[in-house]
């Protein structure tokens, strides 16, 4: 009886070893897949942030240019002499 129990246990252990290896491989693969996902999300977030910063600067520069042009136009219209003449 003892011999059968030991034989059954060793057989059970030999079947469990590939399952443990498969489990560790799955964990290893999931860890790397998760790290790749986190890396891709981080890169995407950084690129999105840079794009937003650049587009914000471009928009602010365009608004500033429009304000300067409007200011120059308003100043020229105020400085022009009256066209009626005396």
C-alpha atoms as a PDB file:
ATOM      1  CA  UNK A   1       0.000   0.000   0.000  1.00  0.00           C
ATOM      2  CA  UNK A   2       2.820   2.363   0.890  1.00  0.00           C
ATOM      3  CA  UNK A   3       4.549   1.609  -2.398  1.00  0.00           C
ATOM      4  CA  UNK A   4       1.402   2.378  -4.396  1.00  0.00           C
ATOM      5  CA  UNK A   5       0.931   5.642  -2.536  1.00  0.00           C
ATOM      6  CA  UNK A   6       4.511   6.685  -3.250  1.00  0.00           C
ATOM      7  CA  UNK A   7       4.191   5.602  -6.872  1.00  0.00           C
ATOM      8  CA  UNK A   8       0.930   7.511  -7.222  1.00  0.00           C
ATOM      9  CA  UNK A   9       2.466  10.559  -5.556  1.00  0.00           C
ATOM     10  CA  UNK A  10       5.530  10.517  -7.826  1.00  0.00           C
ATOM     11  CA  UNK A  11       3.298  10.072 -10.853  1.00  0.00           C
ATOM     12  CA  UNK A  12       1.129  12.934  -9.648  1.00  0.00           C
ATOM     13  CA  UNK A  13       4.238  15.073  -9.100  1.00  0.00           C
ATOM     14  CA  UNK A  14       5.535  14.262 -12.575  1.00  0.00           C
ATOM     15  CA  UNK A  15       2.228  15.464 -14.050  1.00  0.00           C
ATOM     16  CA  UNK A  16       2.259  18.569 -11.886  1.00  0.00           C
ATOM     17  CA  UNK A  17       5.731  19.632 -13.044  1.00  0.00           C
ATOM     18  CA  UNK A  18       4.704  20.446 -16.645  1.00  0.00           C
ATOM     19  CA  UNK A  19       1.634  22.259 -15.320  1.00  0.00           C
ATOM     20  CA  UNK A  20       3.837  24.332 -13.030  1.00  0.00           C
ATOM     21  CA  UNK A  21       6.169  25.052 -15.938  1.00  0.00           C
ATOM     22  CA  UNK A  22       3.210  26.034 -18.090  1.00  0.00           C
ATOM     23  CA  UNK A  23       1.907  28.225 -15.284  1.00  0.00           C
ATOM     24  CA  UNK A  24       5.249  29.915 -14.806  1.00  0.00           C
ATOM     25  CA  UNK A  25       5.571  30.418 -18.568  1.00  0.00           C
ATOM     26  CA  UNK A  26       2.077  31.930 -18.672  1.00  0.00           C
ATOM     27  CA  UNK A  27       2.953  34.215 -15.762  1.00  0.00           C
ATOM     28  CA  UNK A  28       6.224  35.150 -17.467  1.00  0.00           C
ATOM     29  CA  UNK A  29       4.442  35.838 -20.751  1.00  0.00           C
ATOM     30  CA  UNK A  30       1.677  37.835 -19.062  1.00  0.00           C
ATOM     31  CA  UNK A  31       4.241  39.871 -17.148  1.00  0.00           C
ATOM     32  CA  UNK A  32       6.022  40.751 -20.377  1.00  0.00           C
ATOM     33  CA  UNK A  33       2.739  41.363 -22.197  1.00  0.00           C
ATOM     34  CA  UNK A  34       1.639  43.627 -19.346  1.00  0.00           C
ATOM     35  CA  UNK A  35       4.964  45.460 -19.394  1.00  0.00           C
ATOM     36  CA  UNK A  36       4.663  45.924 -23.164  1.00  0.00           C
ATOM     37  CA  UNK A  37       1.138  47.252 -22.742  1.00  0.00           C
ATOM     38  CA  UNK A  38       2.214  49.659 -20.016  1.00  0.00           C
ATOM     39  CA  UNK A  39       5.150  50.783 -22.153  1.00  0.00           C
ATOM     40  CA  UNK A  40       2.932  51.385 -25.184  1.00  0.00           C
ATOM     41  CA  UNK A  41       0.355  53.280 -23.124  1.00  0.00           C
ATOM     42  CA  UNK A  42       3.118  55.396 -21.577  1.00  0.00           C
ATOM     43  CA  UNK A  43       4.617  56.224 -24.972  1.00  0.00           C
ATOM     44  CA  UNK A  44       1.164  57.089 -26.319  1.00  0.00           C
ATOM     45  CA  UNK A  45       0.457  59.331 -23.314  1.00  0.00           C
ATOM     46  CA  UNK A  46       3.804  61.112 -23.699  1.00  0.00           C
ATOM     47  CA  UNK A  47       3.244  61.656 -27.425  1.00  0.00           C
ATOM     48  CA  UNK A  48      -0.276  62.900 -26.754  1.00  0.00           C
ATOM     49  CA  UNK A  49       1.017  65.304 -24.122  1.00  0.00           C
ATOM     50  CA  UNK A  50       3.726  66.626 -26.443  1.00  0.00           C
ATOM     51  CA  UNK A  51       1.169  67.033 -29.226  1.00  0.00           C
ATOM     52  CA  UNK A  52      -1.180  68.932 -26.929  1.00  0.00           C
ATOM     53  CA  UNK A  53       1.650  71.178 -25.747  1.00  0.00           C
ATOM     54  CA  UNK A  54       2.794  71.891 -29.296  1.00  0.00           C
ATOM     55  CA  UNK A  55      -0.720  72.511 -30.576  1.00  0.00           C
ATOM     56  CA  UNK A  56      -1.431  74.756 -27.586  1.00  0.00           C
ATOM     57  CA  UNK A  57       1.703  76.769 -28.331  1.00  0.00           C
ATOM     58  CA  UNK A  58       0.756  77.013 -31.995  1.00  0.00           C
ATOM     59  CA  UNK A  59      -2.771  78.134 -31.093  1.00  0.00           C
ATOM     60  CA  UNK A  60      -1.440  80.688 -28.597  1.00  0.00           C
ATOM     61  CA  UNK A  61       1.083  81.975 -31.139  1.00  0.00           C
ATOM     62  CA  UNK A  62      -1.665  82.312 -33.762  1.00  0.00           C
ATOM     63  CA  UNK A  63      -3.926  84.150 -31.302  1.00  0.00           C
ATOM     64  CA  UNK A  64      -1.077  86.464 -30.345  1.00  0.00           C
ATOM     65  CA  UNK A  65      -0.368  87.165 -34.017  1.00  0.00           C
ATOM     66  CA  UNK A  66      -4.052  87.942 -34.634  1.00  0.00           C
ATOM     67  CA  UNK A  67      -4.129  90.287 -31.636  1.00  0.00           C
ATOM     68  CA  UNK A  68      -0.986  92.083 -32.809  1.00  0.00           C
ATOM     69  CA  UNK A  69      -2.386  92.458 -36.333  1.00  0.00           C
ATOM     70  CA  UNK A  70      -5.698  93.763 -34.963  1.00  0.00           C
ATOM     71  CA  UNK A  71      -3.855  96.152 -32.661  1.00  0.00           C
ATOM     72  CA  UNK A  72      -1.784  97.512 -35.542  1.00  0.00           C
ATOM     73  CA  UNK A  73      -4.895  97.906 -37.697  1.00  0.00           C
ATOM     74  CA  UNK A  74      -6.793  99.717 -34.933  1.00  0.00           C
ATOM     75  CA  UNK A  75      -3.827 101.991 -34.246  1.00  0.00           C
ATOM     76  CA  UNK A  76      -3.491 102.904 -37.949  1.00  0.00           C
ATOM     77  CA  UNK A  77      -7.173 103.727 -38.256  1.00  0.00           C
ATOM     78  CA  UNK A  78      -7.022 105.965 -35.177  1.00  0.00           C
ATOM     79  CA  UNK A  79      -3.910 107.836 -36.360  1.00  0.00           C
ATOM     80  CA  UNK A  80      -5.160 108.600 -39.850  1.00  0.00           C
ATOM     81  CA  UNK A  81      -6.208 112.233 -40.354  1.00  0.00           C
ATOM     82  CA  UNK A  82      -9.827 113.017 -41.033  1.00  0.00           C
ATOM     83  CA  UNK A  83     -10.602 112.788 -44.694  1.00  0.00           C
ATOM     84  CA  UNK A  84     -13.058 115.727 -44.747  1.00  0.00           C
ATOM     85  CA  UNK A  85     -10.436 118.496 -44.735  1.00  0.00           C
ATOM     86  CA  UNK A  86     -10.990 122.130 -43.817  1.00  0.00           C
END
